[in-house]
Amino acid sequence: MPDRVTVARRLPPGLQPVSLRRLPRQLREDALQEAWLAQLAGGRPDRRLRAYARREERYRARYVPISQLDKGLQRALLELPDRG
């Protein structure tokens, strides 16, 4: 785990470390890349960070892992023919 100084050096200008700490740990690296892209494109990194977090939250709310489905539905999904 990098120390605070290392993380602070990797942040784009204008983005506070507290913004990253509010995100789930597994999203931080991708969120940091999104913030840098916004900074390099002339946008606001904090706004892009929040938009990324909301987008990921919506995705995770829609996504249901197959292991959480009941056994009958799991079997039906696994027996579907390939479309490729």
Protein backbone atom coordinates (compact mmCIF):
# COMPACT_ATOMS: atom_id res chain seq x y z
CA MET A 1 0.00 0.00 0.00
CA PRO A 2 1.57 3.31 -1.04
CA ASP A 3 2.04 5.96 1.59
CA ARG A 4 0.16 9.27 1.54
CA VAL A 5 2.98 11.25 -0.07
CA THR A 6 3.14 8.85 -3.04
CA VAL A 7 -0.63 8.98 -3.55
CA ALA A 8 -0.67 12.77 -3.25
CA ARG A 9 2.01 13.06 -5.93
CA ARG A 10 -0.05 10.95 -8.32
CA LEU A 11 -3.18 13.09 -7.98
CA PRO A 12 -3.99 15.54 -10.75
CA PRO A 13 -3.90 19.22 -9.77
CA GLY A 14 -7.12 20.30 -8.11
CA LEU A 15 -8.10 16.87 -6.84
CA GLN A 16 -7.99 16.40 -3.07
CA PRO A 17 -6.93 13.05 -1.55
CA VAL A 18 -10.19 12.95 0.42
CA SER A 19 -12.04 12.53 -2.89
CA LEU A 20 -10.31 9.21 -3.50
CA ARG A 21 -10.72 8.00 0.07
CA ARG A 22 -14.50 8.20 -0.29
CA LEU A 23 -14.43 5.60 -3.07
CA PRO A 24 -14.36 1.85 -2.52
CA ARG A 25 -10.78 0.58 -2.57
CA GLN A 26 -11.27 -1.55 -5.69
CA LEU A 27 -12.34 1.52 -7.73
CA ARG A 28 -9.58 3.93 -6.74
CA GLU A 29 -6.97 3.12 -9.38
CA ASP A 30 -9.46 3.37 -12.26
CA ALA A 31 -10.97 6.50 -10.75
CA LEU A 32 -7.53 8.07 -10.58
CA GLN A 33 -7.01 7.35 -14.29
CA GLU A 34 -10.38 8.93 -15.07
CA ALA A 35 -9.39 12.03 -13.08
CA TRP A 36 -6.09 12.34 -14.94
CA LEU A 37 -7.88 12.02 -18.29
CA ALA A 38 -10.21 14.83 -17.30
CA GLN A 39 -7.28 17.00 -16.21
CA LEU A 40 -5.38 16.40 -19.45
CA ALA A 41 -8.50 17.10 -21.51
CA GLY A 42 -9.03 20.40 -19.72
CA GLY A 43 -11.97 19.22 -17.61
CA ARG A 44 -12.55 19.02 -13.89
CA PRO A 45 -11.03 15.89 -12.31
CA ASP A 46 -13.30 15.99 -9.25
CA ARG A 47 -16.42 16.02 -11.43
CA ARG A 48 -15.13 13.13 -13.54
CA LEU A 49 -14.30 11.19 -10.40
CA ARG A 50 -17.85 11.55 -9.07
CA ALA A 51 -19.33 10.64 -12.46
CA TYR A 52 -17.18 7.51 -12.61
CA ALA A 53 -18.24 6.48 -9.10
CA ARG A 54 -21.94 6.93 -9.95
CA ARG A 55 -21.56 4.98 -13.21
CA GLU A 56 -19.86 2.08 -11.42
CA GLU A 57 -22.50 2.13 -8.68
CA ARG A 58 -25.30 1.89 -11.26
CA TYR A 59 -23.50 -0.96 -13.02
CA ARG A 60 -23.02 -2.91 -9.80
CA ALA A 61 -26.68 -2.40 -8.88
CA ARG A 62 -27.76 -3.97 -12.20
CA TYR A 63 -25.23 -6.79 -12.28
CA VAL A 64 -26.16 -10.04 -10.53
CA PRO A 65 -23.45 -12.71 -10.39
CA ILE A 66 -24.58 -16.10 -11.66
CA SER A 67 -23.65 -17.63 -8.30
CA GLN A 68 -26.42 -15.59 -6.64
CA LEU A 69 -29.14 -16.92 -8.94
CA ASP A 70 -31.25 -19.91 -8.00
CA LYS A 71 -30.07 -23.31 -9.26
CA GLY A 72 -32.77 -23.71 -11.92
CA LEU A 73 -31.99 -20.37 -13.53
CA GLN A 74 -28.26 -21.07 -13.35
CA ARG A 75 -28.76 -24.35 -15.20
CA ALA A 76 -30.94 -22.70 -17.85
CA LEU A 77 -28.41 -19.94 -18.47
CA LEU A 78 -25.50 -22.34 -18.71
CA GLU A 79 -27.36 -24.52 -21.23
CA LEU A 80 -28.09 -21.63 -23.64
CA PRO A 81 -26.55 -22.14 -27.08
CA ASP A 82 -23.60 -19.95 -28.06
CA ARG A 83 -24.45 -17.00 -30.27
CA GLY A 84 -20.96 -16.79 -31.78
